[in-house]
Amino acid sequence: MNAALRLLTLVIAGAVLIALVQQGAARRADAGGRLTTSDGDTVDITAEARAAGLRFAAGVAPSDREWILAAIARARPEAARLIAEVDGLVRVGTFAAGGATLGITRSGPHGFTVDLDVGRLDGDRTLDRATVVLHELGHVVDFALVPAAVNAALDEQIPRSGPCGQAIDCDRPRERFADTFAKWALKGAVSEVGAGYGIPLPASLEGWGAPLAQLSFRLARG
């Protein structure tokens, strides 16, 4: 899948979410939809969705489900709490493009889909499994939980100079957030040659993630 198609996918995903939040407080996206907003900025997470947990498409092999869940288990506790808040809205599937894109996240009225190129992640890019999974779930955390003002403040801390390496659309705030979220979730334990590591680190990864940790603590307290 080329960069242009990836960009179109992310633009569509962002546009869908914007349309949803603009519908106003506590309004359903459609008659059977899950995504609602009470503040016009973030997504309401119902008790039902919170308890549901991550879902897999039928085509995701048991062995792939195993390493996807293992990747999530590697996340630091603060990131794990954020993921646990949104994973009931997520369905994981697969695609096979054979290009640089290893994961795609889309939003819709019923929730989010995260599709992974398991062919490459089971092949020459096994090293990137945890980072790709946490990057894509970082998009969901971003869309669903992070207020726009917090997101803007986080983006200001990420340098914009230098090449992007394997990262696609790395000048876009949503990609910069997701890539840095994955690094923060893994406490910086990433490969220098893996996916997306061309986006520069903030001066302090712990400082960058502090607002997200605070958000996770508020969620934990209910």
N, C-alpha and C. Protein backbone atom coordinates (compact mmCIF):
# COMPACT_ATOMS: atom_id res chain seq x y z
N MET A 1 0.86 -1.19 0.00
CA MET A 1 0.00 0.00 0.00
C MET A 1 0.89 1.23 0.00
N ASN A 2 0.69 2.16 -0.94
CA ASN A 2 1.60 3.28 -1.04
C ASN A 2 1.23 4.40 -0.08
N ALA A 3 2.13 5.39 0.00
CA ALA A 3 1.93 6.48 0.95
C ALA A 3 0.69 7.28 0.66
N ALA A 4 0.37 7.45 -0.62
CA ALA A 4 -0.81 8.24 -0.98
C ALA A 4 -2.09 7.58 -0.48
N LEU A 5 -2.16 6.25 -0.63
CA LEU A 5 -3.35 5.54 -0.15
C LEU A 5 -3.42 5.56 1.36
N ARG A 6 -2.28 5.42 2.01
CA ARG A 6 -2.25 5.50 3.47
C ARG A 6 -2.73 6.87 3.94
N LEU A 7 -2.25 7.92 3.28
CA LEU A 7 -2.68 9.27 3.64
C LEU A 7 -4.18 9.42 3.47
N LEU A 8 -4.71 8.91 2.36
CA LEU A 8 -6.15 9.00 2.12
C LEU A 8 -6.91 8.27 3.22
N THR A 9 -6.42 7.10 3.61
CA THR A 9 -7.08 6.33 4.66
C THR A 9 -7.14 7.11 5.96
N LEU A 10 -6.01 7.73 6.33
CA LEU A 10 -5.97 8.46 7.59
C LEU A 10 -6.82 9.72 7.54
N VAL A 11 -6.84 10.38 6.39
CA VAL A 11 -7.68 11.56 6.24
C VAL A 11 -9.14 11.19 6.40
N ILE A 12 -9.55 10.08 5.76
CA ILE A 12 -10.93 9.61 5.88
C ILE A 12 -11.24 9.27 7.33
N ALA A 13 -10.30 8.57 8.00
CA ALA A 13 -10.53 8.18 9.39
C ALA A 13 -10.71 9.41 10.27
N GLY A 14 -9.84 10.40 10.08
CA GLY A 14 -9.96 11.62 10.86
C GLY A 14 -11.26 12.35 10.57
N ALA A 15 -11.65 12.38 9.31
CA ALA A 15 -12.88 13.08 8.94
C ALA A 15 -14.10 12.41 9.55
N VAL A 16 -14.08 11.08 9.61
CA VAL A 16 -15.21 10.36 10.22
C VAL A 16 -15.33 10.73 11.68
N LEU A 17 -14.20 10.73 12.40
CA LEU A 17 -14.27 11.05 13.82
C LEU A 17 -14.71 12.49 14.05
N ILE A 18 -14.19 13.42 13.25
CA ILE A 18 -14.60 14.81 13.39
C ILE A 18 -16.10 14.94 13.18
N ALA A 19 -16.61 14.24 12.18
CA ALA A 19 -18.05 14.29 11.92
C ALA A 19 -18.82 13.76 13.12
N LEU A 20 -18.29 12.73 13.76
CA LEU A 20 -18.98 12.16 14.91
C LEU A 20 -19.03 13.12 16.08
N VAL A 21 -17.90 13.73 16.40
CA VAL A 21 -17.89 14.60 17.57
C VAL A 21 -18.69 15.86 17.33
N GLN A 22 -18.84 16.26 16.08
CA GLN A 22 -19.62 17.45 15.79
C GLN A 22 -21.12 17.21 15.88
N GLN A 23 -21.53 15.96 16.04
CA GLN A 23 -22.95 15.69 16.14
C GLN A 23 -23.53 16.13 17.48
N GLY A 24 -22.68 16.45 18.46
CA GLY A 24 -23.17 17.00 19.72
C GLY A 24 -23.16 15.98 20.85
N ALA A 25 -23.47 16.47 22.03
CA ALA A 25 -23.34 15.67 23.23
C ALA A 25 -24.30 14.48 23.22
N ALA A 26 -23.68 13.32 23.57
CA ALA A 26 -24.44 12.09 23.82
C ALA A 26 -25.37 11.69 22.68
N ARG A 27 -25.02 12.01 21.44
CA ARG A 27 -25.83 11.58 20.30
C ARG A 27 -25.20 10.36 19.66
N ARG A 28 -25.99 9.40 19.29
CA ARG A 28 -25.49 8.22 18.63
C ARG A 28 -25.03 8.54 17.22
N ALA A 29 -23.94 7.87 16.80
CA ALA A 29 -23.47 8.06 15.43
C ALA A 29 -24.51 7.57 14.44
N ASP A 30 -25.17 6.50 14.77
CA ASP A 30 -26.32 6.05 14.00
C ASP A 30 -27.15 5.18 14.94
N ALA A 31 -28.19 4.55 14.44
CA ALA A 31 -29.12 3.85 15.32
C ALA A 31 -28.44 2.77 16.15
N GLY A 32 -27.43 2.11 15.58
CA GLY A 32 -26.77 1.04 16.32
C GLY A 32 -25.32 1.35 16.61
N GLY A 33 -24.89 2.59 16.48
CA GLY A 33 -23.49 2.94 16.60
C GLY A 33 -23.00 2.97 18.03
N ARG A 34 -21.67 2.90 18.18
CA ARG A 34 -21.07 2.96 19.50
C ARG A 34 -20.47 4.33 19.80
N LEU A 35 -19.91 4.98 18.81
CA LEU A 35 -19.14 6.18 19.08
C LEU A 35 -20.06 7.38 19.33
N THR A 36 -19.91 7.95 20.51
CA THR A 36 -20.64 9.15 20.89
C THR A 36 -19.66 10.12 21.54
N THR A 37 -20.07 11.35 21.72
CA THR A 37 -19.24 12.32 22.41
C THR A 37 -20.10 13.18 23.32
N SER A 38 -19.57 13.45 24.50
CA SER A 38 -20.26 14.34 25.42
C SER A 38 -19.59 15.69 25.52
N ASP A 39 -18.35 15.78 25.02
CA ASP A 39 -17.61 17.04 25.12
C ASP A 39 -17.23 17.62 23.77
N GLY A 40 -17.62 16.96 22.67
CA GLY A 40 -17.28 17.45 21.35
C GLY A 40 -15.82 17.30 21.00
N ASP A 41 -15.06 16.52 21.79
CA ASP A 41 -13.62 16.42 21.59
C ASP A 41 -13.14 14.98 21.66
N THR A 42 -13.62 14.24 22.66
CA THR A 42 -13.21 12.85 22.84
C THR A 42 -14.43 11.94 22.74
N VAL A 43 -14.17 10.64 22.66
CA VAL A 43 -15.24 9.66 22.47
C VAL A 43 -15.70 9.11 23.82
N ASP A 44 -17.01 8.98 24.00
CA ASP A 44 -17.54 8.33 25.20
C ASP A 44 -17.22 6.85 25.15
N ILE A 45 -16.76 6.30 26.25
CA ILE A 45 -16.51 4.87 26.35
C ILE A 45 -17.54 4.30 27.32
N THR A 46 -18.44 3.49 26.83
CA THR A 46 -19.48 2.92 27.68
C THR A 46 -18.90 1.78 28.52
N ALA A 47 -19.59 1.44 29.61
CA ALA A 47 -19.16 0.32 30.43
C ALA A 47 -19.15 -0.97 29.62
N GLU A 48 -20.10 -1.11 28.70
CA GLU A 48 -20.15 -2.29 27.84
C GLU A 48 -18.93 -2.39 26.95
N ALA A 49 -18.56 -1.26 26.34
CA ALA A 49 -17.39 -1.26 25.46
C ALA A 49 -16.12 -1.49 26.27
N ARG A 50 -16.04 -0.89 27.46
CA ARG A 50 -14.84 -1.03 28.29
C ARG A 50 -14.62 -2.48 28.69
N ALA A 51 -15.72 -3.19 28.92
CA ALA A 51 -15.62 -4.59 29.35
C ALA A 51 -15.42 -5.56 28.19
N ALA A 52 -15.64 -5.10 26.97
CA ALA A 52 -15.66 -6.02 25.82
C ALA A 52 -14.29 -6.56 25.46
N GLY A 53 -13.27 -5.71 25.51
CA GLY A 53 -11.93 -6.15 25.14
C GLY A 53 -11.73 -6.19 23.63
N LEU A 54 -10.49 -6.41 23.25
CA LEU A 54 -10.10 -6.44 21.84
C LEU A 54 -10.78 -7.59 21.11
N ARG A 55 -11.23 -7.31 19.87
CA ARG A 55 -11.83 -8.34 19.04
C ARG A 55 -10.95 -8.60 17.82
N PHE A 56 -11.00 -9.83 17.32
CA PHE A 56 -10.22 -10.20 16.14
C PHE A 56 -11.14 -10.63 15.02
N ALA A 57 -10.78 -10.24 13.80
CA ALA A 57 -11.47 -10.74 12.63
C ALA A 57 -11.20 -12.24 12.50
N ALA A 58 -12.12 -12.92 11.82
CA ALA A 58 -12.01 -14.38 11.70
C ALA A 58 -10.71 -14.81 11.03
N GLY A 59 -10.17 -13.96 10.16
CA GLY A 59 -8.98 -14.34 9.42
C GLY A 59 -7.67 -14.19 10.16
N VAL A 60 -7.71 -13.72 11.41
CA VAL A 60 -6.47 -13.56 12.17
C VAL A 60 -6.14 -14.89 12.84
N ALA A 61 -5.04 -15.48 12.45
CA ALA A 61 -4.67 -16.81 12.94
C ALA A 61 -4.39 -16.79 14.44
N PRO A 62 -4.64 -17.91 15.13
CA PRO A 62 -4.36 -17.96 16.57
C PRO A 62 -2.92 -17.57 16.92
N SER A 63 -1.97 -17.98 16.11
CA SER A 63 -0.57 -17.64 16.38
C SER A 63 -0.33 -16.13 16.28
N ASP A 64 -1.04 -15.47 15.35
CA ASP A 64 -0.90 -14.03 15.23
C ASP A 64 -1.62 -13.32 16.38
N ARG A 65 -2.76 -13.83 16.78
CA ARG A 65 -3.44 -13.26 17.94
C ARG A 65 -2.53 -13.31 19.17
N GLU A 66 -1.77 -14.36 19.27
CA GLU A 66 -0.90 -14.54 20.43
C GLU A 66 0.15 -13.44 20.49
N TRP A 67 0.83 -13.16 19.37
CA TRP A 67 1.88 -12.14 19.45
C TRP A 67 1.31 -10.72 19.50
N ILE A 68 0.11 -10.52 18.95
CA ILE A 68 -0.53 -9.21 19.07
C ILE A 68 -0.83 -8.91 20.53
N LEU A 69 -1.39 -9.88 21.23
CA LEU A 69 -1.68 -9.69 22.66
C LEU A 69 -0.39 -9.57 23.46
N ALA A 70 0.65 -10.31 23.05
CA ALA A 70 1.94 -10.21 23.74
C ALA A 70 2.54 -8.82 23.55
N ALA A 71 2.34 -8.24 22.37
CA ALA A 71 2.84 -6.88 22.12
C ALA A 71 2.15 -5.89 23.04
N ILE A 72 0.84 -6.01 23.20
CA ILE A 72 0.11 -5.11 24.08
C ILE A 72 0.57 -5.30 25.52
N ALA A 73 0.86 -6.54 25.90
CA ALA A 73 1.30 -6.82 27.27
C ALA A 73 2.64 -6.18 27.59
N ARG A 74 3.40 -5.80 26.57
CA ARG A 74 4.69 -5.15 26.80
C ARG A 74 4.55 -3.67 27.16
N ALA A 75 3.38 -3.10 26.98
CA ALA A 75 3.19 -1.67 27.24
C ALA A 75 3.33 -1.36 28.72
N ARG A 76 3.92 -0.22 29.03
CA ARG A 76 4.03 0.23 30.40
C ARG A 76 2.63 0.34 31.01
N PRO A 77 2.48 0.28 32.33
CA PRO A 77 1.15 0.27 32.95
C PRO A 77 0.27 1.45 32.56
N GLU A 78 0.85 2.65 32.46
CA GLU A 78 0.05 3.83 32.12
C GLU A 78 -0.53 3.70 30.70
N ALA A 79 0.30 3.24 29.77
CA ALA A 79 -0.17 3.05 28.40
C ALA A 79 -1.17 1.90 28.34
N ALA A 80 -0.92 0.85 29.12
CA ALA A 80 -1.84 -0.29 29.13
C ALA A 80 -3.22 0.13 29.61
N ARG A 81 -3.29 1.05 30.59
CA ARG A 81 -4.59 1.52 31.06
C ARG A 81 -5.32 2.29 29.97
N LEU A 82 -4.60 3.09 29.21
CA LEU A 82 -5.23 3.83 28.11
C LEU A 82 -5.74 2.87 27.04
N ILE A 83 -4.95 1.87 26.72
CA ILE A 83 -5.36 0.89 25.71
C ILE A 83 -6.57 0.10 26.21
N ALA A 84 -6.56 -0.28 27.49
CA ALA A 84 -7.68 -1.02 28.04
C ALA A 84 -8.98 -0.22 28.01
N GLU A 85 -8.85 1.10 28.06
CA GLU A 85 -10.04 1.95 28.01
C GLU A 85 -10.71 1.91 26.63
N VAL A 86 -9.91 1.72 25.57
CA VAL A 86 -10.45 1.82 24.21
C VAL A 86 -10.51 0.50 23.46
N ASP A 87 -9.90 -0.56 23.99
CA ASP A 87 -9.76 -1.77 23.15
C ASP A 87 -11.09 -2.45 22.85
N GLY A 88 -12.11 -2.19 23.66
CA GLY A 88 -13.42 -2.74 23.35
C GLY A 88 -14.06 -2.15 22.11
N LEU A 89 -13.48 -1.06 21.60
CA LEU A 89 -13.97 -0.43 20.38
C LEU A 89 -13.17 -0.88 19.16
N VAL A 90 -12.22 -1.79 19.36
CA VAL A 90 -11.25 -2.11 18.31
C VAL A 90 -11.43 -3.54 17.81
N ARG A 91 -11.41 -3.66 16.49
CA ARG A 91 -11.40 -4.97 15.83
C ARG A 91 -10.11 -5.07 15.01
N VAL A 92 -9.34 -6.11 15.24
CA VAL A 92 -8.05 -6.29 14.56
C VAL A 92 -8.23 -7.25 13.40
N GLY A 93 -7.74 -6.82 12.24
CA GLY A 93 -7.76 -7.65 11.05
C GLY A 93 -6.41 -7.66 10.39
N THR A 94 -6.35 -8.10 9.14
CA THR A 94 -5.08 -8.22 8.43
C THR A 94 -5.20 -7.65 7.03
N PHE A 95 -4.06 -7.35 6.45
CA PHE A 95 -3.98 -7.02 5.03
C PHE A 95 -2.63 -7.50 4.54
N ALA A 96 -2.45 -7.54 3.25
CA ALA A 96 -1.19 -8.00 2.66
C ALA A 96 -0.86 -7.09 1.49
N ALA A 97 -0.09 -6.04 1.76
CA ALA A 97 0.29 -5.11 0.70
C ALA A 97 1.73 -5.30 0.26
N GLY A 98 2.57 -5.77 1.18
CA GLY A 98 3.95 -6.01 0.83
C GLY A 98 4.80 -4.75 0.73
N GLY A 99 4.26 -3.60 1.11
CA GLY A 99 5.01 -2.36 1.04
C GLY A 99 5.54 -1.94 2.41
N ALA A 100 5.83 -0.63 2.54
CA ALA A 100 6.40 -0.12 3.78
C ALA A 100 5.37 -0.03 4.90
N THR A 101 4.09 0.08 4.56
CA THR A 101 3.05 0.22 5.56
C THR A 101 2.80 -1.12 6.24
N LEU A 102 2.96 -1.15 7.56
CA LEU A 102 2.78 -2.38 8.32
C LEU A 102 1.48 -2.40 9.11
N GLY A 103 0.82 -1.26 9.23
CA GLY A 103 -0.44 -1.20 9.96
C GLY A 103 -1.29 -0.04 9.48
N ILE A 104 -2.60 -0.21 9.54
CA ILE A 104 -3.54 0.83 9.13
C ILE A 104 -4.66 0.87 10.17
N THR A 105 -4.99 2.07 10.64
CA THR A 105 -6.10 2.25 11.59
C THR A 105 -7.17 3.10 10.94
N ARG A 106 -8.41 2.65 11.04
CA ARG A 106 -9.55 3.40 10.51
C ARG A 106 -10.59 3.56 11.61
N SER A 107 -11.34 4.66 11.55
CA SER A 107 -12.47 4.83 12.47
C SER A 107 -13.75 4.86 11.68
N GLY A 108 -14.83 4.43 12.32
CA GLY A 108 -16.14 4.44 11.71
C GLY A 108 -17.19 4.61 12.78
N PRO A 109 -18.44 4.65 12.42
CA PRO A 109 -19.49 4.91 13.41
C PRO A 109 -19.61 3.84 14.49
N HIS A 110 -19.11 2.63 14.22
CA HIS A 110 -19.23 1.55 15.20
C HIS A 110 -17.95 1.30 15.98
N GLY A 111 -16.89 2.02 15.68
CA GLY A 111 -15.65 1.80 16.39
C GLY A 111 -14.45 1.94 15.48
N PHE A 112 -13.40 1.17 15.76
CA PHE A 112 -12.14 1.28 15.05
C PHE A 112 -11.70 -0.08 14.52
N THR A 113 -11.04 -0.07 13.39
CA THR A 113 -10.39 -1.28 12.87
C THR A 113 -8.90 -1.02 12.77
N VAL A 114 -8.13 -1.98 13.23
CA VAL A 114 -6.68 -1.96 13.10
C VAL A 114 -6.30 -3.15 12.25
N ASP A 115 -5.76 -2.90 11.07
CA ASP A 115 -5.33 -3.97 10.16
C ASP A 115 -3.81 -4.02 10.13
N LEU A 116 -3.26 -5.21 10.25
CA LEU A 116 -1.82 -5.42 10.31
C LEU A 116 -1.37 -6.29 9.15
N ASP A 117 -0.20 -5.95 8.60
CA ASP A 117 0.39 -6.77 7.55
C ASP A 117 1.11 -7.94 8.22
N VAL A 118 0.34 -8.98 8.57
CA VAL A 118 0.92 -10.09 9.31
C VAL A 118 1.92 -10.87 8.47
N GLY A 119 1.81 -10.80 7.15
CA GLY A 119 2.78 -11.47 6.31
C GLY A 119 4.19 -10.98 6.59
N ARG A 120 4.34 -9.66 6.62
CA ARG A 120 5.67 -9.10 6.89
C ARG A 120 6.01 -9.17 8.37
N LEU A 121 5.00 -8.99 9.24
CA LEU A 121 5.28 -9.04 10.68
C LEU A 121 5.54 -10.46 11.16
N ASP A 122 5.19 -11.45 10.36
CA ASP A 122 5.57 -12.83 10.62
C ASP A 122 6.85 -13.20 9.87
N GLY A 123 7.30 -12.28 9.01
CA GLY A 123 8.46 -12.56 8.18
C GLY A 123 9.65 -11.69 8.51
N ASP A 124 9.96 -10.75 7.60
CA ASP A 124 11.17 -9.97 7.77
C ASP A 124 11.04 -8.82 8.77
N ARG A 125 9.84 -8.57 9.31
CA ARG A 125 9.67 -7.46 10.23
C ARG A 125 9.15 -7.90 11.60
N THR A 126 9.51 -9.10 12.02
CA THR A 126 9.10 -9.56 13.35
C THR A 126 9.61 -8.63 14.45
N LEU A 127 10.75 -8.00 14.20
CA LEU A 127 11.33 -7.07 15.16
C LEU A 127 10.38 -5.92 15.48
N ASP A 128 9.52 -5.59 14.53
CA ASP A 128 8.67 -4.41 14.66
C ASP A 128 7.29 -4.70 15.25
N ARG A 129 7.02 -5.92 15.62
CA ARG A 129 5.67 -6.28 16.02
C ARG A 129 5.12 -5.38 17.13
N ALA A 130 5.84 -5.27 18.23
CA ALA A 130 5.33 -4.51 19.37
C ALA A 130 5.13 -3.04 19.01
N THR A 131 6.09 -2.48 18.28
CA THR A 131 5.99 -1.07 17.94
C THR A 131 4.83 -0.81 17.00
N VAL A 132 4.62 -1.68 16.02
CA VAL A 132 3.52 -1.48 15.08
C VAL A 132 2.18 -1.59 15.79
N VAL A 133 2.02 -2.62 16.62
CA VAL A 133 0.76 -2.79 17.34
C VAL A 133 0.47 -1.59 18.23
N LEU A 134 1.47 -1.14 18.97
CA LEU A 134 1.26 -0.02 19.89
C LEU A 134 1.12 1.30 19.14
N HIS A 135 1.77 1.42 18.00
CA HIS A 135 1.58 2.60 17.15
C HIS A 135 0.12 2.69 16.70
N GLU A 136 -0.40 1.58 16.18
CA GLU A 136 -1.78 1.63 15.68
C GLU A 136 -2.79 1.83 16.81
N LEU A 137 -2.58 1.21 17.95
CA LEU A 137 -3.46 1.46 19.08
C LEU A 137 -3.28 2.87 19.62
N GLY A 138 -2.09 3.44 19.41
CA GLY A 138 -1.87 4.84 19.76
C GLY A 138 -2.79 5.76 18.97
N HIS A 139 -3.07 5.41 17.71
CA HIS A 139 -4.04 6.19 16.93
C HIS A 139 -5.41 6.17 17.60
N VAL A 140 -5.81 5.00 18.09
CA VAL A 140 -7.13 4.89 18.73
C VAL A 140 -7.16 5.70 20.02
N VAL A 141 -6.11 5.59 20.83
CA VAL A 141 -6.01 6.39 22.05
C VAL A 141 -6.10 7.87 21.72
N ASP A 142 -5.38 8.27 20.69
CA ASP A 142 -5.37 9.66 20.24
C ASP A 142 -6.78 10.12 19.86
N PHE A 143 -7.42 9.39 18.95
CA PHE A 143 -8.75 9.75 18.46
C PHE A 143 -9.79 9.76 19.57
N ALA A 144 -9.71 8.76 20.46
CA ALA A 144 -10.80 8.55 21.41
C ALA A 144 -10.63 9.27 22.74
N LEU A 145 -9.39 9.41 23.22
CA LEU A 145 -9.19 9.84 24.60
C LEU A 145 -8.46 11.16 24.79
N VAL A 146 -7.60 11.53 23.86
CA VAL A 146 -6.72 12.68 24.11
C VAL A 146 -7.37 13.97 23.64
N PRO A 147 -7.62 14.91 24.55
CA PRO A 147 -8.22 16.19 24.14
C PRO A 147 -7.30 16.93 23.17
N ALA A 148 -7.89 17.71 22.31
CA ALA A 148 -7.13 18.41 21.28
C ALA A 148 -6.04 19.30 21.87
N ALA A 149 -6.35 19.98 22.97
CA ALA A 149 -5.36 20.88 23.57
C ALA A 149 -4.15 20.10 24.08
N VAL A 150 -4.38 18.94 24.67
CA VAL A 150 -3.28 18.10 25.13
C VAL A 150 -2.48 17.59 23.95
N ASN A 151 -3.16 17.18 22.90
CA ASN A 151 -2.48 16.69 21.72
C ASN A 151 -1.57 17.76 21.11
N ALA A 152 -2.08 18.98 21.04
CA ALA A 152 -1.27 20.08 20.49
C ALA A 152 -0.03 20.32 21.34
N ALA A 153 -0.18 20.27 22.66
CA ALA A 153 0.96 20.48 23.54
C ALA A 153 1.98 19.35 23.39
N LEU A 154 1.51 18.14 23.20
CA LEU A 154 2.42 17.02 23.00
C LEU A 154 3.16 17.15 21.68
N ASP A 155 2.46 17.57 20.64
CA ASP A 155 3.08 17.69 19.32
C ASP A 155 4.19 18.75 19.32
N GLU A 156 4.02 19.78 20.11
CA GLU A 156 5.03 20.85 20.19
C GLU A 156 6.36 20.32 20.72
N GLN A 157 6.32 19.24 21.47
CA GLN A 157 7.54 18.70 22.07
C GLN A 157 8.32 17.78 21.13
N ILE A 158 7.73 17.42 20.00
CA ILE A 158 8.39 16.50 19.07
C ILE A 158 9.11 17.31 18.00
N PRO A 159 10.43 17.19 17.90
CA PRO A 159 11.16 17.96 16.88
C PRO A 159 10.68 17.63 15.47
N ARG A 160 10.83 18.58 14.58
CA ARG A 160 10.39 18.39 13.20
C ARG A 160 11.56 18.30 12.22
N SER A 161 12.76 18.35 12.68
CA SER A 161 13.90 18.30 11.78
C SER A 161 14.34 16.87 11.55
N GLY A 162 15.00 16.65 10.42
CA GLY A 162 15.57 15.34 10.14
C GLY A 162 14.69 14.48 9.27
N PRO A 163 15.26 13.40 8.71
CA PRO A 163 14.50 12.49 7.84
C PRO A 163 13.52 11.65 8.64
N CYS A 164 12.59 11.02 7.93
CA CYS A 164 11.55 10.24 8.58
C CYS A 164 11.85 8.75 8.63
N GLY A 165 12.89 8.30 8.00
CA GLY A 165 13.17 6.88 7.99
C GLY A 165 12.02 6.10 7.37
N GLN A 166 11.53 5.06 8.07
CA GLN A 166 10.45 4.22 7.58
C GLN A 166 9.07 4.86 7.79
N ALA A 167 9.00 5.94 8.56
CA ALA A 167 7.70 6.53 8.89
C ALA A 167 7.03 7.11 7.65
N ILE A 168 5.70 6.98 7.58
CA ILE A 168 4.91 7.51 6.49
C ILE A 168 4.06 8.66 7.02
N ASP A 169 4.02 9.78 6.25
CA ASP A 169 3.26 10.96 6.66
C ASP A 169 3.73 11.47 8.02
N CYS A 170 5.02 11.45 8.27
CA CYS A 170 5.53 11.76 9.60
C CYS A 170 5.41 13.23 9.95
N ASP A 171 5.01 14.07 9.01
CA ASP A 171 4.78 15.47 9.34
C ASP A 171 3.38 15.70 9.91
N ARG A 172 2.53 14.70 9.89
CA ARG A 172 1.16 14.84 10.36
C ARG A 172 1.11 14.55 11.86
N PRO A 173 0.43 15.41 12.64
CA PRO A 173 0.39 15.24 14.10
C PRO A 173 -0.06 13.85 14.53
N ARG A 174 -1.02 13.26 13.83
CA ARG A 174 -1.52 11.95 14.26
C ARG A 174 -0.45 10.88 14.15
N GLU A 175 0.42 10.98 13.12
CA GLU A 175 1.50 10.01 13.00
C GLU A 175 2.59 10.27 14.03
N ARG A 176 2.86 11.54 14.28
CA ARG A 176 3.87 11.89 15.26
C ARG A 176 3.45 11.43 16.65
N PHE A 177 2.15 11.58 16.96
CA PHE A 177 1.65 11.12 18.24
C PHE A 177 1.77 9.60 18.35
N ALA A 178 1.26 8.88 17.34
CA ALA A 178 1.22 7.42 17.42
C ALA A 178 2.63 6.84 17.52
N ASP A 179 3.57 7.40 16.76
CA ASP A 179 4.93 6.89 16.80
C ASP A 179 5.56 7.12 18.17
N THR A 180 5.35 8.33 18.72
CA THR A 180 5.93 8.65 20.02
C THR A 180 5.21 7.90 21.13
N PHE A 181 3.91 7.69 20.98
CA PHE A 181 3.17 6.89 21.96
C PHE A 181 3.78 5.49 22.05
N ALA A 182 4.07 4.88 20.90
CA ALA A 182 4.65 3.53 20.91
C ALA A 182 6.00 3.53 21.62
N LYS A 183 6.82 4.53 21.36
CA LYS A 183 8.12 4.61 22.02
C LYS A 183 7.96 4.80 23.53
N TRP A 184 7.01 5.68 23.91
CA TRP A 184 6.76 5.91 25.33
C TRP A 184 6.21 4.65 25.99
N ALA A 185 5.26 3.98 25.33
CA ALA A 185 4.67 2.76 25.88
C ALA A 185 5.72 1.69 26.11
N LEU A 186 6.73 1.62 25.26
CA LEU A 186 7.80 0.63 25.37
C LEU A 186 9.00 1.15 26.16
N LYS A 187 8.86 2.33 26.77
CA LYS A 187 9.92 2.96 27.57
C LYS A 187 11.20 3.13 26.75
N GLY A 188 11.02 3.41 25.45
CA GLY A 188 12.16 3.65 24.59
C GLY A 188 12.84 2.39 24.10
N ALA A 189 12.31 1.21 24.43
CA ALA A 189 12.95 -0.05 24.04
C ALA A 189 12.58 -0.40 22.62
N VAL A 190 13.13 0.33 21.66
CA VAL A 190 12.84 0.11 20.26
C VAL A 190 14.14 -0.04 19.49
N SER A 191 14.04 -0.68 18.34
CA SER A 191 15.20 -0.88 17.49
C SER A 191 15.52 0.38 16.71
N GLU A 192 16.77 0.62 16.44
CA GLU A 192 17.16 1.79 15.66
C GLU A 192 16.84 1.64 14.18
N VAL A 193 16.52 0.43 13.75
CA VAL A 193 16.27 0.21 12.32
C VAL A 193 14.82 -0.18 12.06
N GLY A 194 13.97 -0.12 13.06
CA GLY A 194 12.60 -0.56 12.90
C GLY A 194 11.69 0.48 12.30
N ALA A 195 10.40 0.16 12.30
CA ALA A 195 9.40 0.99 11.62
C ALA A 195 9.15 2.30 12.34
N GLY A 196 9.26 3.39 11.59
CA GLY A 196 8.84 4.68 12.10
C GLY A 196 9.80 5.38 13.02
N TYR A 197 11.00 4.83 13.22
CA TYR A 197 11.88 5.43 14.21
C TYR A 197 12.59 6.67 13.72
N GLY A 198 12.28 7.10 12.49
CA GLY A 198 12.89 8.33 11.98
C GLY A 198 12.27 9.57 12.58
N ILE A 199 11.08 9.49 13.19
CA ILE A 199 10.49 10.65 13.85
C ILE A 199 11.30 10.94 15.10
N PRO A 200 11.85 12.15 15.24
CA PRO A 200 12.74 12.42 16.38
C PRO A 200 12.02 12.30 17.71
N LEU A 201 12.80 11.94 18.73
CA LEU A 201 12.28 11.86 20.09
C LEU A 201 12.13 13.25 20.69
N PRO A 202 11.15 13.45 21.57
CA PRO A 202 11.12 14.69 22.35
C PRO A 202 12.33 14.74 23.28
N ALA A 203 12.59 15.90 23.85
CA ALA A 203 13.75 16.04 24.73
C ALA A 203 13.69 15.06 25.89
N SER A 204 12.50 14.82 26.40
CA SER A 204 12.30 13.85 27.47
C SER A 204 11.08 13.00 27.13
N LEU A 205 11.29 11.71 26.90
CA LEU A 205 10.19 10.82 26.58
C LEU A 205 9.25 10.70 27.79
N GLU A 206 9.82 10.67 28.99
CA GLU A 206 9.00 10.59 30.19
C GLU A 206 8.19 11.87 30.39
N GLY A 207 8.82 13.00 30.14
CA GLY A 207 8.11 14.27 30.25
C GLY A 207 7.00 14.37 29.23
N TRP A 208 7.26 13.91 28.02
CA TRP A 208 6.23 13.93 26.97
C TRP A 208 5.03 13.12 27.38
N GLY A 209 5.27 11.96 27.97
CA GLY A 209 4.17 11.06 28.32
C GLY A 209 3.47 11.39 29.62
N ALA A 210 3.98 12.37 30.37
CA ALA A 210 3.39 12.68 31.68
C ALA A 210 1.90 13.01 31.60
N PRO A 211 1.44 13.83 30.63
CA PRO A 211 -0.01 14.08 30.55
C PRO A 211 -0.82 12.83 30.25
N LEU A 212 -0.24 11.90 29.48
CA LEU A 212 -0.95 10.65 29.20
C LEU A 212 -1.00 9.78 30.46
N ALA A 213 0.07 9.78 31.24
CA ALA A 213 0.06 9.04 32.50
C ALA A 213 -1.01 9.61 33.43
N GLN A 214 -1.09 10.94 33.50
CA GLN A 214 -2.10 11.58 34.34
C GLN A 214 -3.50 11.20 33.88
N LEU A 215 -3.71 11.18 32.56
CA LEU A 215 -5.00 10.77 32.03
C LEU A 215 -5.32 9.33 32.41
N SER A 216 -4.33 8.46 32.34
CA SER A 216 -4.56 7.05 32.69
C SER A 216 -4.92 6.91 34.17
N PHE A 217 -4.31 7.72 35.03
CA PHE A 217 -4.63 7.65 36.46
C PHE A 217 -6.06 8.13 36.72
N ARG A 218 -6.48 9.16 36.00
CA ARG A 218 -7.86 9.64 36.16
C ARG A 218 -8.85 8.56 35.71
N LEU A 219 -8.53 7.89 34.63
CA LEU A 219 -9.40 6.82 34.15
C LEU A 219 -9.46 5.67 35.16
N ALA A 220 -8.31 5.35 35.76
CA ALA A 220 -8.25 4.26 36.72
C ALA A 220 -9.11 4.57 37.95
N ARG A 221 -9.16 5.84 38.33
CA ARG A 221 -9.97 6.24 39.49
C ARG A 221 -11.45 6.28 39.16
N GLY A 222 -11.76 6.28 37.83
CA GLY A 222 -13.15 6.29 37.40
C GLY A 222 -13.79 7.64 37.56
